[in-house]
Every structure is written in C-alpha cells, then in structure tokens.
Amino acid sequence: MQKTKIVCTMGPATADYNTIVKLIKGGMNVARLNMSHGELDGHRQLADLIKKARKQLNIPCAIMVDTRGPEIRIGSFKNGSAELKHGQTFTFTTREVEGDNSIVSLREKHIINSAHPGKLIYADSGLIIFKIKQVTATDIVCKVIEGGLLGSNKNFAIPHAKLNIPYISEVDKTHIKFAAEIHAEYIACSFVSSAEDVDEVRSLVKQYGGECDLIAKIESSAGIKNLKSIMQVSDGIMVARGDMGTEVPLSHIPSIQKQMLKDGLIAGKPIIVATEMLETMTENPRPTRAEVTDVANAIFDRTNATMLSGETAVGKHPLTVVNTMSKIAADTENAINYEEKFRQHYNFDNNSLNAVSYSAVGASFALNAKVIVCFTKTGRTARWLSRYRPKAAILAVTHNEQVYNKLALIWGVKPILRPVSKNMDTVFDDAESLAKAYKLAKAGDTIIITSGTPSVNMGPTNLIKVSVIK
C-alpha cells in the first residue's frame, strides 16, 4: 500500500466526473480547489462531483479549499497571455486596461505604494522577472529581466514589500464560508506569516459552522521565521515553494524544506511539499530525472504528501501525472528502511496517546506485524501512529465521515468508514476481518490493534493488542 499521499489541484483539465473517478482510482487522496482561479459556482460543482465520485467508489478523498490570501495578482490579457521579451519595457498599472505585451492591470491598487525604482518584481511564481524603472501615480514602468509567457491572473510580488492590508479579505471570508458550507475537510491558508493569521481563519470557520482542518502555507520570509509558532496552532503545513522562491534565495529552499519536514515530524503535523514537482508533465508525458529525484528526496525526508498544481489543473496528461507520482512514491518507499528510521526516532511527548502509538509501532517492527488496525473517533490515534512512520499499513476505522475523508491526507493511513462495535471481542474480530478483507494480512500473520476502552464510548486510545490472524 502506497504511504505518501497525493494532493491534486482541480481545474479545466480535471473538471468532469469520469476524470475525477480515474484520478481517485489512480491515487489522488486530496482534491485541491484553488480559489485564486475560477468562480465560486464552478468550485461548488467540482466539490459535488468529488463527493459523488468518492461515495460511489467507496474511497476516501478529502477536499481542500485553498484561499487567495493577501497576495497580489495581475488582471487579464486580451488573448489570455502575452509573450514578454528580455530587455523590453512593460507596465503594471492601477488603471483598468485590456492587457497586451506592453501593459496589464493590477488587481490590488495599493501595491503601487511599495514600488520603488531599482526594486525587482516577480510574476508567475518568479518565472518572469522585472526591474522597476519608474513609478507614477498609476503606473509601475519596468524593464523585463527574464521574459516568457505571462498569463492572466498570475501572481505578482515585490520581495519583502509590506502590503499593509488585513490578512483576511472580504473575498477570503466568502471562500472560508464556502469551505464550511460544503463541509470541506481542509482549508489551505495562503501567505500565513504568524500564528494569529491561523487563529483568525479558525475563528471564522467556527463562526460559519465548519469543521475544516487548517493547513498553513509557508511562502514568505515572515512565515519561515515564525514557523514553529504557526505549526503549534495549525493542523498541517504546506511548503509552498513557488512564492517562497520570490522571498528567499532559491538556493536556500532545499534546506528550508528539509527543516520544515523535520519540524513537522517532531510536531506530528502533516507536511505537504508543493510547486513544480512534476512541472514538465504539464506539457509532456514524461518527467525529467531532476523532477523524479525532487519527489523522491521529499519522500526520503518523510513528507506526508506531495502536491500537483498545474500538472493536473490545466495539464495535458493529468491521469498520467498522477500515475507517475504514485509510481515514484511506491518505488521510493520500497527503498526506505523504516525500522532504522524508527530506532533513530525520538519519543517526543510525555502523554498516554504518544506512549501507546510509539509502543504500537515499536511492536509492529519487533513482531513483523503486517498492519496496525486503530479504532478512532477523531483520527488523532491514526495521526500519531503515522508520525512514527511504521512499515506496517495503518487501517483507521472510524464512524465519522468527515474524519474518514480527512485521514485520506495522512501518511500511511487507509481510512475505513463503519460503525464500531460496543463489544471489545467483536472489535478484535473486526480488526482481523478488515486486515484480511483489504488483503493486508492473511492467516498466520501478526497484526497490532489499538482502541479506546470501553469501545462503547470510544474514549482515549489506551489499549494495544497483538493478534495472530486465524
């Protein structure tokens, strides 16, 4: 069973029901709705199709709503994009104009106050670079340093510029409310720079009646600086390497990514590595060797999930790219010595759930158990077991449908939705039956079972049982 999870960004290339079904079958664990693109009605229709597909397939798939956050985006080009040449003059304007290869509008007018001659501007996650020559009341006149094809609605950044705007805009409030209304499992909070940003989103989610877990996207120097406090209040972290690459030197990103993965493992929080993982496959049916190595290194560093962006949203080969990502993950996981990693691990926290989880994973290695079956009400036990990266599969049995879909994101976990028996003997029998039914164990194999007792109340996990399948 593949352990590393795959997040796929939905878009025009993946907006029909049959394609969504194939994506889920191919290995998509989380469907990401990027609110920076598309209209709300379109996202709502996509969410309905995802729910229909996962229910029909009886396969969990979480929905992640990705907010715009306090970012700047350009307006639209007449032909959808413009080819910019090195050395040419190009203007960003606060005026409403139809974009061409000489000018485009800015959505956020106030950014002009942060523009000064000599500063650099990055567009489309740093692929297109400009140097500011002149600033007027309405225009930022630039020289193109690195050209290319610039599309409508792409992001725009002046490194280290202070935007002086609220973290959550009225548009973001609408999108957070939307996430609550559709019962999305996750919200990815863009451009988080402090723990207070996450707290603000969580307060709104509660106000709107949602139960979304929050993934903090780290993509600015402030976010990197405040990572540990952000990690404490969030439910997971995304290494958003695109915009991060406009805030810090590109050569620093590998070490930042490694540290974030290490910190996430220690904190027991899922980490998603994102941006350009298989970018070549947006156009081509094969990735580059460097891209394959990039994905594999993230998995060797024990990332929880990898994310596909344009590759699945607008790419020519969305199904092929998901299958490729699955293949890379499976082959890389086969090369990892999980027991050695566990022995090097740290018994992080002094609490009963940590002790039970650590002991269950330790027992799975000592006894060569094929699977750990955990019965969980909130999903916490499954997350803690995942934290220790067992070689054994983790079957997480829950009666809660939202927990079931949330666990689709968690490394090494196969969620199962079903009622939990009130009788402990029946619970143990169910664990053995499920291990066999999902072909993760057979007669004579050892499995580990964790549960709360008494099971009727599904209290905190306080039981480990070693069982040999009959």
Protein backbone atom coordinates (compact mmCIF):
# COMPACT_ATOMS: atom_id res chain seq x y z
CA MET A 1 0.00 0.00 0.00
CA GLN A 2 1.40 3.40 -1.00
CA LYS A 3 2.02 5.53 2.07
CA THR A 4 2.81 9.02 0.71
CA LYS A 5 -0.38 10.87 -0.19
CA ILE A 6 -1.06 12.89 -3.35
CA VAL A 7 -2.82 16.25 -3.50
CA CYS A 8 -4.19 17.17 -6.94
CA THR A 9 -5.23 20.67 -7.95
CA MET A 10 -8.51 20.61 -9.84
CA GLY A 11 -9.09 22.74 -12.93
CA PRO A 12 -10.29 22.69 -16.53
CA ALA A 13 -8.30 19.52 -17.27
CA THR A 14 -9.94 17.60 -14.41
CA ALA A 15 -13.41 19.13 -14.12
CA ASP A 16 -15.54 16.24 -15.40
CA TYR A 17 -16.88 13.32 -13.38
CA ASN A 18 -15.19 10.50 -15.30
CA THR A 19 -11.77 12.13 -14.95
CA ILE A 20 -12.29 12.64 -11.20
CA VAL A 21 -13.18 8.96 -10.82
CA LYS A 22 -9.99 7.98 -12.67
CA LEU A 23 -7.90 10.38 -10.55
CA ILE A 24 -9.19 8.84 -7.31
CA LYS A 25 -8.59 5.34 -8.63
CA GLY A 26 -5.12 6.41 -9.79
CA GLY A 27 -4.04 7.66 -6.37
CA MET A 28 -5.48 11.12 -5.70
CA ASN A 29 -6.07 11.44 -1.94
CA VAL A 30 -6.91 15.13 -1.74
CA ALA A 31 -8.64 17.33 -4.32
CA ARG A 32 -7.50 20.95 -4.07
CA LEU A 33 -9.81 23.78 -5.13
CA ASN A 34 -7.62 26.81 -5.86
CA MET A 35 -9.74 29.87 -5.12
CA SER A 36 -7.27 32.13 -6.95
CA HIS A 37 -8.71 30.78 -10.18
CA GLY A 38 -12.25 30.10 -11.32
CA GLU A 39 -15.64 31.14 -9.99
CA LEU A 40 -17.41 30.02 -6.84
CA ASP A 41 -20.19 28.23 -8.73
CA GLY A 42 -17.62 26.24 -10.67
CA HIS A 43 -15.84 25.20 -7.48
CA ARG A 44 -19.15 24.20 -5.91
CA GLN A 45 -19.94 21.99 -8.91
CA LEU A 46 -16.48 20.41 -8.68
CA ALA A 47 -16.95 19.72 -4.97
CA ASP A 48 -20.26 17.99 -5.70
CA LEU A 49 -18.62 15.81 -8.36
CA ILE A 50 -15.77 14.86 -5.99
CA LYS A 51 -18.24 13.88 -3.26
CA LYS A 52 -20.27 11.84 -5.73
CA ALA A 53 -17.16 10.06 -7.03
CA ARG A 54 -15.69 9.22 -3.63
CA LYS A 55 -19.03 7.90 -2.41
CA GLN A 56 -19.57 5.76 -5.50
CA LEU A 57 -16.04 4.36 -5.33
CA ASN A 58 -16.14 3.96 -1.55
CA ILE A 59 -12.67 5.54 -1.44
CA PRO A 60 -11.90 8.47 0.87
CA CYS A 61 -10.79 11.70 -0.81
CA ALA A 62 -10.50 14.95 1.12
CA ILE A 63 -11.49 18.31 -0.34
CA MET A 64 -9.07 21.18 0.29
CA VAL A 65 -10.14 24.78 -0.30
CA ASP A 66 -7.05 26.94 -0.95
CA THR A 67 -7.65 30.61 -0.14
CA ARG A 68 -6.19 33.50 -2.09
CA GLY A 69 -4.69 35.15 0.97
CA PRO A 70 -3.12 38.60 0.93
CA GLU A 71 -1.43 38.16 -2.44
CA ILE A 72 -1.33 40.42 -5.45
CA ARG A 73 -2.47 39.22 -8.87
CA ILE A 74 -2.43 40.87 -12.25
CA GLY A 75 -5.51 41.34 -14.41
CA SER A 76 -6.37 39.76 -17.73
CA PHE A 77 -4.71 39.81 -21.13
CA LYS A 78 -6.78 40.22 -24.28
CA ASN A 79 -5.60 36.87 -25.61
CA GLY A 80 -5.21 35.15 -22.22
CA SER A 81 -1.46 35.71 -22.11
CA ALA A 82 1.37 37.83 -23.52
CA GLU A 83 4.90 36.94 -24.64
CA LEU A 84 7.43 39.24 -22.96
CA LYS A 85 10.96 39.65 -24.31
CA HIS A 86 14.17 40.30 -22.40
CA GLY A 87 15.01 43.99 -22.28
CA GLN A 88 11.58 45.30 -23.35
CA THR A 89 9.56 47.84 -21.40
CA PHE A 90 6.44 46.61 -19.63
CA THR A 91 3.98 48.49 -17.43
CA PHE A 92 1.83 47.41 -14.50
CA THR A 93 -1.00 49.88 -13.97
CA THR A 94 -3.76 50.61 -11.49
CA ARG A 95 -5.90 51.73 -14.44
CA GLU A 96 -8.43 49.33 -15.91
CA VAL A 97 -6.94 48.25 -19.22
CA GLU A 98 -7.08 45.25 -21.50
CA GLY A 99 -3.69 43.60 -21.18
CA ASP A 100 -1.26 43.09 -24.05
CA ASN A 101 2.50 42.63 -24.39
CA SER A 102 3.15 46.17 -23.13
CA ILE A 103 0.78 46.63 -20.17
CA VAL A 104 -1.52 44.86 -17.72
CA SER A 105 -3.70 45.97 -14.80
CA LEU A 106 -3.09 45.19 -11.13
CA ARG A 107 -5.98 43.88 -9.06
CA GLU A 108 -4.71 45.47 -5.85
CA LYS A 109 -4.14 49.17 -6.44
CA HIS A 110 -2.31 49.89 -3.18
CA ILE A 111 0.74 47.84 -4.20
CA ILE A 112 1.99 50.86 -6.14
CA ASN A 113 2.93 52.42 -2.78
CA SER A 114 5.51 49.65 -2.26
CA ALA A 115 7.09 50.05 -5.71
CA HIS A 116 10.36 51.98 -5.99
CA PRO A 117 12.86 52.34 -8.85
CA GLY A 118 15.55 49.67 -8.73
CA LYS A 119 13.41 47.04 -6.98
CA LEU A 120 12.66 43.70 -8.61
CA ILE A 121 9.19 42.37 -9.37
CA TYR A 122 8.45 38.67 -9.74
CA ALA A 123 5.42 37.34 -11.64
CA ASP A 124 4.10 33.81 -12.09
CA SER A 125 5.97 32.42 -9.05
CA GLY A 126 9.21 34.09 -10.12
CA LEU A 127 9.33 32.76 -13.67
CA ILE A 128 9.07 36.29 -15.10
CA ILE A 129 11.30 38.99 -13.56
CA PHE A 130 11.16 42.78 -13.95
CA LYS A 131 13.23 45.68 -12.68
CA ILE A 132 11.35 48.87 -11.82
CA LYS A 133 12.49 51.90 -13.84
CA GLN A 134 9.86 54.49 -12.95
CA VAL A 135 6.79 54.85 -10.73
CA THR A 136 3.97 57.33 -11.36
CA ALA A 137 0.62 57.85 -9.65
CA THR A 138 -0.90 55.00 -11.65
CA ASP A 139 1.92 53.07 -13.36
CA ILE A 140 4.93 50.92 -12.50
CA VAL A 141 7.18 51.05 -15.56
CA CYS A 142 9.64 48.16 -15.76
CA LYS A 143 12.35 46.55 -17.81
CA VAL A 144 11.91 42.81 -18.43
CA ILE A 145 14.91 40.97 -16.95
CA GLU A 146 13.63 37.42 -17.51
CA GLY A 147 10.97 37.08 -20.18
CA GLY A 148 8.47 34.41 -21.08
CA LEU A 149 4.77 33.80 -21.49
CA LEU A 150 2.81 35.67 -18.81
CA GLY A 151 -0.79 34.53 -18.35
CA SER A 152 -3.85 36.30 -16.99
CA ASN A 153 -4.39 36.42 -13.23
CA LYS A 154 -0.85 35.30 -12.37
CA ASN A 155 0.67 36.28 -9.05
CA PHE A 156 2.82 39.38 -8.63
CA ALA A 157 5.34 40.05 -5.87
CA ILE A 158 7.76 42.71 -4.76
CA PRO A 159 10.03 40.86 -2.31
CA HIS A 160 9.76 41.98 1.32
CA ALA A 161 7.17 44.63 0.46
CA LYS A 162 4.77 45.40 3.32
CA LEU A 163 1.27 45.23 1.94
CA ASN A 164 -0.45 46.89 4.94
CA ILE A 165 -3.70 45.05 4.30
CA PRO A 166 -5.76 42.73 6.55
CA TYR A 167 -4.77 39.08 6.42
CA ILE A 168 -8.32 38.02 5.53
CA SER A 169 -10.04 39.97 2.76
CA GLU A 170 -13.78 40.02 2.10
CA VAL A 171 -13.15 37.61 -0.79
CA ASP A 172 -11.33 35.23 1.55
CA LYS A 173 -14.23 35.40 4.02
CA THR A 174 -16.54 34.31 1.21
CA HIS A 175 -14.25 31.40 0.39
CA ILE A 176 -13.88 30.32 4.03
CA LYS A 177 -17.66 30.37 4.37
CA PHE A 178 -17.89 28.32 1.18
CA ALA A 179 -15.48 25.75 2.63
CA ALA A 180 -17.61 25.47 5.75
CA GLU A 181 -20.82 25.16 3.73
CA ILE A 182 -19.56 22.32 1.53
CA HIS A 183 -18.02 20.58 4.58
CA ALA A 184 -14.52 20.69 3.11
CA GLU A 185 -12.06 18.65 5.13
CA TYR A 186 -9.21 21.17 4.80
CA ILE A 187 -8.56 24.85 4.18
CA ALA A 188 -5.10 25.77 2.91
CA CYS A 189 -4.40 29.24 4.30
CA SER A 190 -2.24 31.20 1.86
CA PHE A 191 0.62 33.51 2.87
CA VAL A 192 0.48 32.75 6.58
CA SER A 193 3.01 34.93 8.35
CA SER A 194 2.05 34.41 12.01
CA ALA A 195 0.08 32.17 14.36
CA GLU A 196 -2.51 34.95 14.61
CA ASP A 197 -3.32 34.50 10.90
CA VAL A 198 -4.26 30.86 11.50
CA ASP A 199 -6.26 31.75 14.62
CA GLU A 200 -8.21 34.30 12.59
CA VAL A 201 -9.16 31.71 9.97
CA ARG A 202 -10.10 29.15 12.62
CA SER A 203 -12.37 31.66 14.32
CA LEU A 204 -14.19 32.27 11.05
CA VAL A 205 -14.52 28.54 10.34
CA LYS A 206 -16.13 28.10 13.74
CA GLN A 207 -18.38 31.11 13.13
CA TYR A 208 -19.56 29.59 9.84
CA GLY A 209 -20.18 26.18 11.41
CA GLY A 210 -17.36 24.35 9.65
CA GLU A 211 -15.06 21.59 10.91
CA CYS A 212 -12.21 22.17 8.45
CA ASP A 213 -8.64 21.43 9.50
CA LEU A 214 -6.22 24.22 8.61
CA ILE A 215 -3.06 23.80 6.53
CA ALA A 216 -0.77 26.83 6.84
CA LYS A 217 1.03 27.64 3.59
CA ILE A 218 4.54 28.88 4.30
CA GLU A 219 5.61 31.07 1.38
CA SER A 220 7.14 34.23 2.86
CA SER A 221 10.18 35.15 4.93
CA ALA A 222 7.87 36.04 7.85
CA GLY A 223 6.20 32.64 7.65
CA ILE A 224 9.57 30.89 7.70
CA LYS A 225 10.69 32.97 10.69
CA ASN A 226 7.53 32.19 12.66
CA LEU A 227 7.23 28.55 11.56
CA LYS A 228 7.28 26.94 15.00
CA SER A 229 4.53 29.13 16.45
CA ILE A 230 2.48 28.71 13.25
CA MET A 231 2.90 24.93 13.45
CA GLN A 232 1.58 24.89 17.01
CA VAL A 233 -1.80 26.35 16.03
CA SER A 234 -2.26 24.76 12.58
CA ASP A 235 -3.25 21.21 11.63
CA GLY A 236 -0.55 20.91 8.97
CA ILE A 237 1.96 22.85 6.88
CA MET A 238 2.45 23.29 3.15
CA VAL A 239 5.94 24.03 1.83
CA ALA A 240 4.72 26.43 -0.87
CA ARG A 241 7.94 26.70 -2.84
CA GLY A 242 6.60 28.92 -5.63
CA ASP A 243 6.08 32.21 -3.84
CA MET A 244 8.72 31.26 -1.29
CA GLY A 245 11.21 31.42 -4.16
CA THR A 246 10.49 35.13 -4.61
CA GLU A 247 11.11 35.90 -0.92
CA VAL A 248 14.29 33.92 -0.24
CA PRO A 249 17.19 32.89 -2.48
CA LEU A 250 16.36 29.75 -4.46
CA SER A 251 19.49 28.09 -3.10
CA HIS A 252 18.02 28.30 0.42
CA ILE A 253 14.79 26.44 -0.39
CA PRO A 254 16.17 22.86 -0.13
CA SER A 255 17.48 23.41 3.40
CA ILE A 256 14.29 25.24 4.42
CA GLN A 257 12.20 22.35 3.09
CA LYS A 258 14.30 19.78 4.99
CA GLN A 259 13.97 21.71 8.23
CA MET A 260 10.21 22.12 7.80
CA LEU A 261 9.82 18.38 7.19
CA LYS A 262 11.87 17.61 10.30
CA ASP A 263 9.89 20.08 12.43
CA GLY A 264 6.60 18.70 11.13
CA LEU A 265 7.58 15.15 12.03
CA ILE A 266 8.54 16.22 15.54
CA ALA A 267 5.26 18.11 15.95
CA GLY A 268 3.21 15.26 14.48
CA LYS A 269 1.76 17.58 11.83
CA PRO A 270 1.36 16.57 8.17
CA ILE A 271 3.65 18.42 5.76
CA ILE A 272 2.80 18.84 2.08
CA VAL A 273 5.59 19.65 -0.38
CA ALA A 274 4.23 21.70 -3.27
CA THR A 275 5.07 23.52 -6.50
CA GLU A 276 6.59 22.27 -9.76
CA MET A 277 7.12 18.72 -8.55
CA LEU A 278 6.41 17.26 -12.00
CA GLU A 279 6.04 20.56 -13.86
CA THR A 280 7.39 19.20 -17.16
CA MET A 281 4.37 16.89 -17.33
CA THR A 282 2.06 19.87 -17.76
CA GLU A 283 3.05 19.58 -21.42
CA ASN A 284 4.99 16.31 -21.73
CA PRO A 285 4.06 12.71 -20.89
CA ARG A 286 7.36 12.12 -19.03
CA PRO A 287 9.01 13.96 -16.16
CA THR A 288 12.66 14.98 -16.05
CA ARG A 289 15.11 12.98 -13.98
CA ALA A 290 15.59 16.03 -11.75
CA GLU A 291 11.84 16.15 -11.04
CA VAL A 292 11.74 12.45 -10.15
CA THR A 293 14.67 13.00 -7.80
CA ASP A 294 12.96 16.04 -6.24
CA VAL A 295 9.85 13.99 -5.46
CA ALA A 296 11.89 11.05 -4.16
CA ASN A 297 14.00 13.25 -1.89
CA ALA A 298 10.87 14.73 -0.30
CA ILE A 299 9.66 11.18 0.36
CA PHE A 300 13.05 10.11 1.76
CA ASP A 301 12.75 13.11 4.09
CA ARG A 302 9.36 11.68 5.15
CA THR A 303 6.97 14.21 3.67
CA ASN A 304 3.34 13.39 4.35
CA ALA A 305 2.17 14.31 0.85
CA THR A 306 3.28 15.72 -2.47
CA MET A 307 1.16 18.17 -4.43
CA LEU A 308 0.42 18.61 -8.13
CA SER A 309 -0.65 22.05 -9.32
CA GLY A 310 -0.82 22.99 -12.99
CA GLU A 311 0.09 19.42 -13.88
CA THR A 312 -3.46 18.29 -13.05
CA ALA A 313 -5.35 21.59 -13.20
CA VAL A 314 -4.51 22.58 -16.77
CA GLY A 315 -2.02 19.95 -17.95
CA LYS A 316 -2.33 17.73 -20.99
CA HIS A 317 -1.76 14.47 -19.08
CA PRO A 318 -3.48 14.69 -15.66
CA LEU A 319 -4.07 10.94 -15.29
CA THR A 320 -0.57 10.04 -16.43
CA VAL A 321 0.98 12.51 -14.00
CA VAL A 322 -0.93 11.06 -11.02
CA ASN A 323 0.08 7.53 -12.01
CA THR A 324 3.69 8.73 -12.36
CA MET A 325 3.63 10.35 -8.92
CA SER A 326 2.19 7.15 -7.44
CA LYS A 327 4.90 5.05 -9.08
CA ILE A 328 7.70 7.30 -7.82
CA ALA A 329 6.24 7.23 -4.30
CA ALA A 330 5.81 3.46 -4.22
CA ASP A 331 9.32 2.73 -5.54
CA THR A 332 10.93 5.26 -3.18
CA GLU A 333 9.06 3.88 -0.17
CA ASN A 334 10.32 0.39 -1.01
CA ALA A 335 13.88 1.71 -0.67
CA ILE A 336 13.34 3.11 2.85
CA ASN A 337 14.39 1.17 5.95
CA TYR A 338 11.51 2.21 8.21
CA GLU A 339 12.74 0.27 11.24
CA GLU A 340 16.12 2.00 11.12
CA LYS A 341 14.39 5.38 10.92
CA PHE A 342 12.17 4.41 13.87
CA ARG A 343 15.12 3.36 16.00
CA GLN A 344 16.67 6.78 15.38
CA HIS A 345 13.38 8.40 16.33
CA TYR A 346 12.60 10.35 19.43
CA ASN A 347 9.88 9.61 21.96
CA PHE A 348 8.66 13.15 21.65
CA ASP A 349 5.90 13.88 24.15
CA ASN A 350 5.06 12.64 27.60
CA ASN A 351 1.41 11.68 27.17
CA SER A 352 -0.56 8.44 27.04
CA LEU A 353 -1.55 8.63 23.37
CA ASN A 354 2.07 9.15 22.35
CA ALA A 355 3.15 6.23 24.53
CA VAL A 356 0.50 3.92 23.05
CA SER A 357 1.31 4.97 19.48
CA TYR A 358 5.08 4.66 19.96
CA SER A 359 4.65 1.25 21.58
CA ALA A 360 2.27 0.02 18.87
CA VAL A 361 4.69 0.97 16.10
CA GLY A 362 7.63 -0.48 18.04
CA ALA A 363 5.71 -3.74 18.47
CA SER A 364 4.88 -3.81 14.76
CA PHE A 365 8.59 -3.79 13.94
CA ALA A 366 9.55 -6.30 16.66
CA LEU A 367 6.85 -8.77 15.60
CA ASN A 368 6.94 -8.06 11.87
CA ALA A 369 3.25 -7.16 12.00
CA LYS A 370 1.65 -6.57 8.62
CA VAL A 371 -0.88 -3.99 9.70
CA ILE A 372 -1.87 -1.76 12.63
CA VAL A 373 -5.65 -1.50 12.97
CA CYS A 374 -6.71 1.52 15.00
CA PHE A 375 -10.27 2.35 16.00
CA THR A 376 -10.55 6.12 16.21
CA LYS A 377 -13.28 8.67 16.80
CA THR A 378 -11.36 11.85 15.95
CA GLY A 379 -8.47 10.49 13.88
CA ARG A 380 -5.85 11.52 16.44
CA THR A 381 -4.57 7.99 17.04
CA ALA A 382 -4.10 7.40 13.31
CA ARG A 383 -2.15 10.67 13.05
CA TRP A 384 0.11 9.72 15.96
CA LEU A 385 0.75 6.26 14.55
CA SER A 386 1.59 7.89 11.21
CA ARG A 387 4.04 10.18 12.97
CA TYR A 388 6.31 7.21 13.71
CA ARG A 389 6.27 6.03 10.07
CA PRO A 390 5.67 2.29 10.53
CA LYS A 391 6.45 -0.18 7.78
CA ALA A 392 3.10 -1.80 8.53
CA ALA A 393 -0.01 -0.34 6.94
CA ILE A 394 -2.35 1.63 9.19
CA LEU A 395 -6.05 0.81 8.93
CA ALA A 396 -8.00 3.59 10.65
CA VAL A 397 -11.59 2.59 11.45
CA THR A 398 -13.99 5.44 12.22
CA HIS A 399 -17.72 6.04 12.18
CA ASN A 400 -17.29 9.75 11.40
CA GLU A 401 -17.46 10.52 7.66
CA GLN A 402 -15.53 13.79 7.85
CA VAL A 403 -12.74 12.17 9.89
CA TYR A 404 -12.72 9.35 7.32
CA ASN A 405 -12.08 11.80 4.47
CA LYS A 406 -9.62 13.92 6.48
CA LEU A 407 -7.49 10.84 7.08
CA ALA A 408 -7.08 10.45 3.32
CA LEU A 409 -4.29 13.05 3.65
CA ILE A 410 -2.38 11.29 6.43
CA TRP A 411 0.74 9.30 5.54
CA GLY A 412 0.39 5.52 5.55
CA VAL A 413 -3.25 5.54 6.65
CA LYS A 414 -6.06 3.69 4.88
CA PRO A 415 -9.31 5.02 6.36
CA ILE A 416 -12.36 2.76 6.74
CA LEU A 417 -15.85 4.12 7.40
CA ARG A 418 -18.00 1.81 9.53
CA PRO A 419 -19.73 1.66 12.93
CA VAL A 420 -17.62 0.48 15.85
CA SER A 421 -18.95 -2.41 17.90
CA LYS A 422 -19.83 -1.95 21.57
CA ASN A 423 -18.23 -5.29 22.41
CA MET A 424 -14.42 -5.48 22.63
CA ASP A 425 -14.29 -9.09 21.43
CA THR A 426 -16.22 -8.04 18.34
CA VAL A 427 -13.81 -5.12 17.86
CA PHE A 428 -10.88 -7.56 17.82
CA ASP A 429 -12.68 -9.86 15.39
CA ASP A 430 -13.49 -6.88 13.14
CA ALA A 431 -9.82 -5.88 13.09
CA GLU A 432 -8.77 -9.32 11.86
CA SER A 433 -11.58 -9.44 9.28
CA LEU A 434 -10.69 -5.99 7.92
CA ALA A 435 -6.99 -6.83 7.65
CA LYS A 436 -7.89 -9.88 5.57
CA ALA A 437 -10.61 -8.15 3.56
CA TYR A 438 -8.21 -5.43 2.43
CA LYS A 439 -5.56 -8.08 1.65
CA LEU A 440 -3.05 -6.54 4.04
CA ALA A 441 -2.69 -9.71 6.10
CA LYS A 442 -3.53 -13.42 5.86
CA ALA A 443 -3.89 -16.39 8.18
CA GLY A 444 -0.82 -16.73 10.39
CA ASP A 445 0.17 -13.04 10.11
CA THR A 446 0.53 -10.83 13.17
CA ILE A 447 -1.44 -7.60 13.46
CA ILE A 448 -1.49 -4.86 16.10
CA ILE A 449 -4.82 -3.44 17.31
CA THR A 450 -5.30 -0.12 19.15
CA SER A 451 -8.55 1.12 20.64
CA GLY A 452 -10.13 3.01 23.48
CA THR A 453 -11.90 1.05 26.20
CA PRO A 454 -14.71 0.66 26.73
CA SER A 455 -15.39 0.83 22.99
CA VAL A 456 -18.98 1.96 23.53
CA ASN A 457 -17.69 5.41 24.49
CA MET A 458 -14.64 5.38 22.20
CA GLY A 459 -12.65 7.20 24.82
CA PRO A 460 -8.93 8.00 24.53
CA THR A 461 -6.86 5.20 23.00
CA ASN A 462 -5.49 3.15 25.91
CA LEU A 463 -5.25 -0.40 24.60
CA ILE A 464 -2.80 -2.33 22.42
CA LYS A 465 -3.50 -5.94 21.46
CA VAL A 466 -1.26 -8.28 19.50
CA SER A 467 -3.29 -10.72 17.44
CA VAL A 468 -2.40 -13.57 15.08
CA ILE A 469 -4.92 -13.97 12.30
CA LYS A 470 -6.67 -17.31 12.25
